[in-house]
Structures are given as structure tokens and as C-alpha cells.
Amino acid sequence: MDVNGIANVASTLADVGTSQAVSLAVLKKAIDFGTESATALIEAIPPAPTTPNLPAHLGQNINTSA
């Protein structure tokens, strides 16, 4: 193998390493963005409405013979 071939292989390996580092950085940013979006959606859910003035026994039993 000549010197140019070895230099080309080394250059290609360096380019692949740089490409992988950039891809990993983009992936991390995408995951962070997804996490922020999911957190915002969860926080945007309104609280469950309460039903005042109902007797305490309502909603405790299920009629399974109907």
C-alpha cells in the first residue's frame, strides 16, 4: 500500500468520526426538544373538574347486572 492510500484511509476515518460526532449532537438536541415539548404538553393539561354538591356515595359502585 502506498503512502497516499494510507493518508486517504486516515482522512476518511477522521471524517467519519466528525460526522458521527455531529450526528450525535443533532440527536441530543432533538431529544432535548422532544422532552421540552412533552413537558409543555403535560403542563398544559387542565386540572380535572370537581363536581361539587354531589353526595359522597355516588360513583362508588358499578351495577354489573343491568
Protein backbone atom coordinates (compact mmCIF):
# COMPACT_ATOMS: atom_id res chain seq x y z
CA MET A 1 0.00 0.00 0.00
CA ASP A 2 1.41 3.37 -0.88
CA VAL A 3 1.60 6.44 1.32
CA ASN A 4 -1.31 8.15 -0.45
CA GLY A 5 -3.58 5.20 0.27
CA ILE A 6 -2.72 5.28 3.96
CA ALA A 7 -3.32 9.03 4.07
CA ASN A 8 -6.68 8.60 2.36
CA VAL A 9 -7.75 5.94 4.86
CA ALA A 10 -6.72 8.11 7.79
CA SER A 11 -8.55 11.08 6.31
CA THR A 12 -11.68 9.01 5.75
CA LEU A 13 -11.61 7.72 9.33
CA ALA A 14 -11.28 11.26 10.65
CA ASP A 15 -14.23 12.40 8.50
CA VAL A 16 -16.37 9.52 9.74
CA GLY A 17 -15.56 10.38 13.36
CA THR A 18 -16.50 14.02 12.78
CA SER A 19 -19.71 13.00 11.01
CA GLN A 20 -20.69 10.74 13.89
CA ALA A 21 -20.00 13.48 16.42
CA VAL A 22 -22.21 15.91 14.51
CA SER A 23 -24.96 13.31 14.17
CA LEU A 24 -24.82 12.61 17.89
CA ALA A 25 -25.05 16.32 18.72
CA VAL A 26 -28.10 16.71 16.46
CA LEU A 27 -29.73 13.66 18.04
CA LYS A 28 -29.18 15.04 21.54
CA LYS A 29 -30.74 18.37 20.54
CA ALA A 30 -33.73 16.58 19.03
CA ILE A 31 -34.23 14.55 22.20
CA ASP A 32 -33.99 17.70 24.32
CA PHE A 33 -36.55 19.45 22.10
CA GLY A 34 -38.88 16.45 22.34
CA THR A 35 -38.54 16.43 26.11
CA GLU A 36 -39.35 20.13 26.33
CA SER A 37 -42.37 19.71 24.04
CA ALA A 38 -43.71 16.77 26.03
CA THR A 39 -43.25 18.66 29.30
CA ALA A 40 -45.09 21.68 27.88
CA LEU A 41 -47.98 19.49 26.71
CA ILE A 42 -48.27 17.77 30.08
CA GLU A 43 -48.26 21.10 31.91
CA ALA A 44 -50.94 22.43 29.52
CA ILE A 45 -53.45 19.76 30.58
CA PRO A 46 -56.13 21.48 32.65
CA PRO A 47 -56.88 20.09 36.09
CA ALA A 48 -59.80 17.69 36.37
CA PRO A 49 -63.03 19.49 37.13
CA THR A 50 -64.57 18.87 40.50
CA THR A 51 -68.26 18.13 40.90
CA PRO A 52 -69.46 19.98 43.98
CA ASN A 53 -72.77 19.34 45.71
CA LEU A 54 -72.95 15.62 44.90
CA PRO A 55 -73.49 13.01 47.62
CA ALA A 56 -70.35 11.15 48.69
CA HIS A 57 -71.84 7.72 47.84
CA LEU A 58 -72.18 8.47 44.13
CA GLY A 59 -69.58 6.85 41.89
CA GLN A 60 -68.59 4.20 44.43
CA ASN A 61 -70.49 1.22 42.96
CA ILE A 62 -70.91 -0.27 39.49
CA ASN A 63 -74.13 -2.09 38.53
CA THR A 64 -72.92 -5.21 36.72
CA SER A 65 -76.31 -6.96 36.49
CA ALA A 66 -78.04 -4.45 34.25
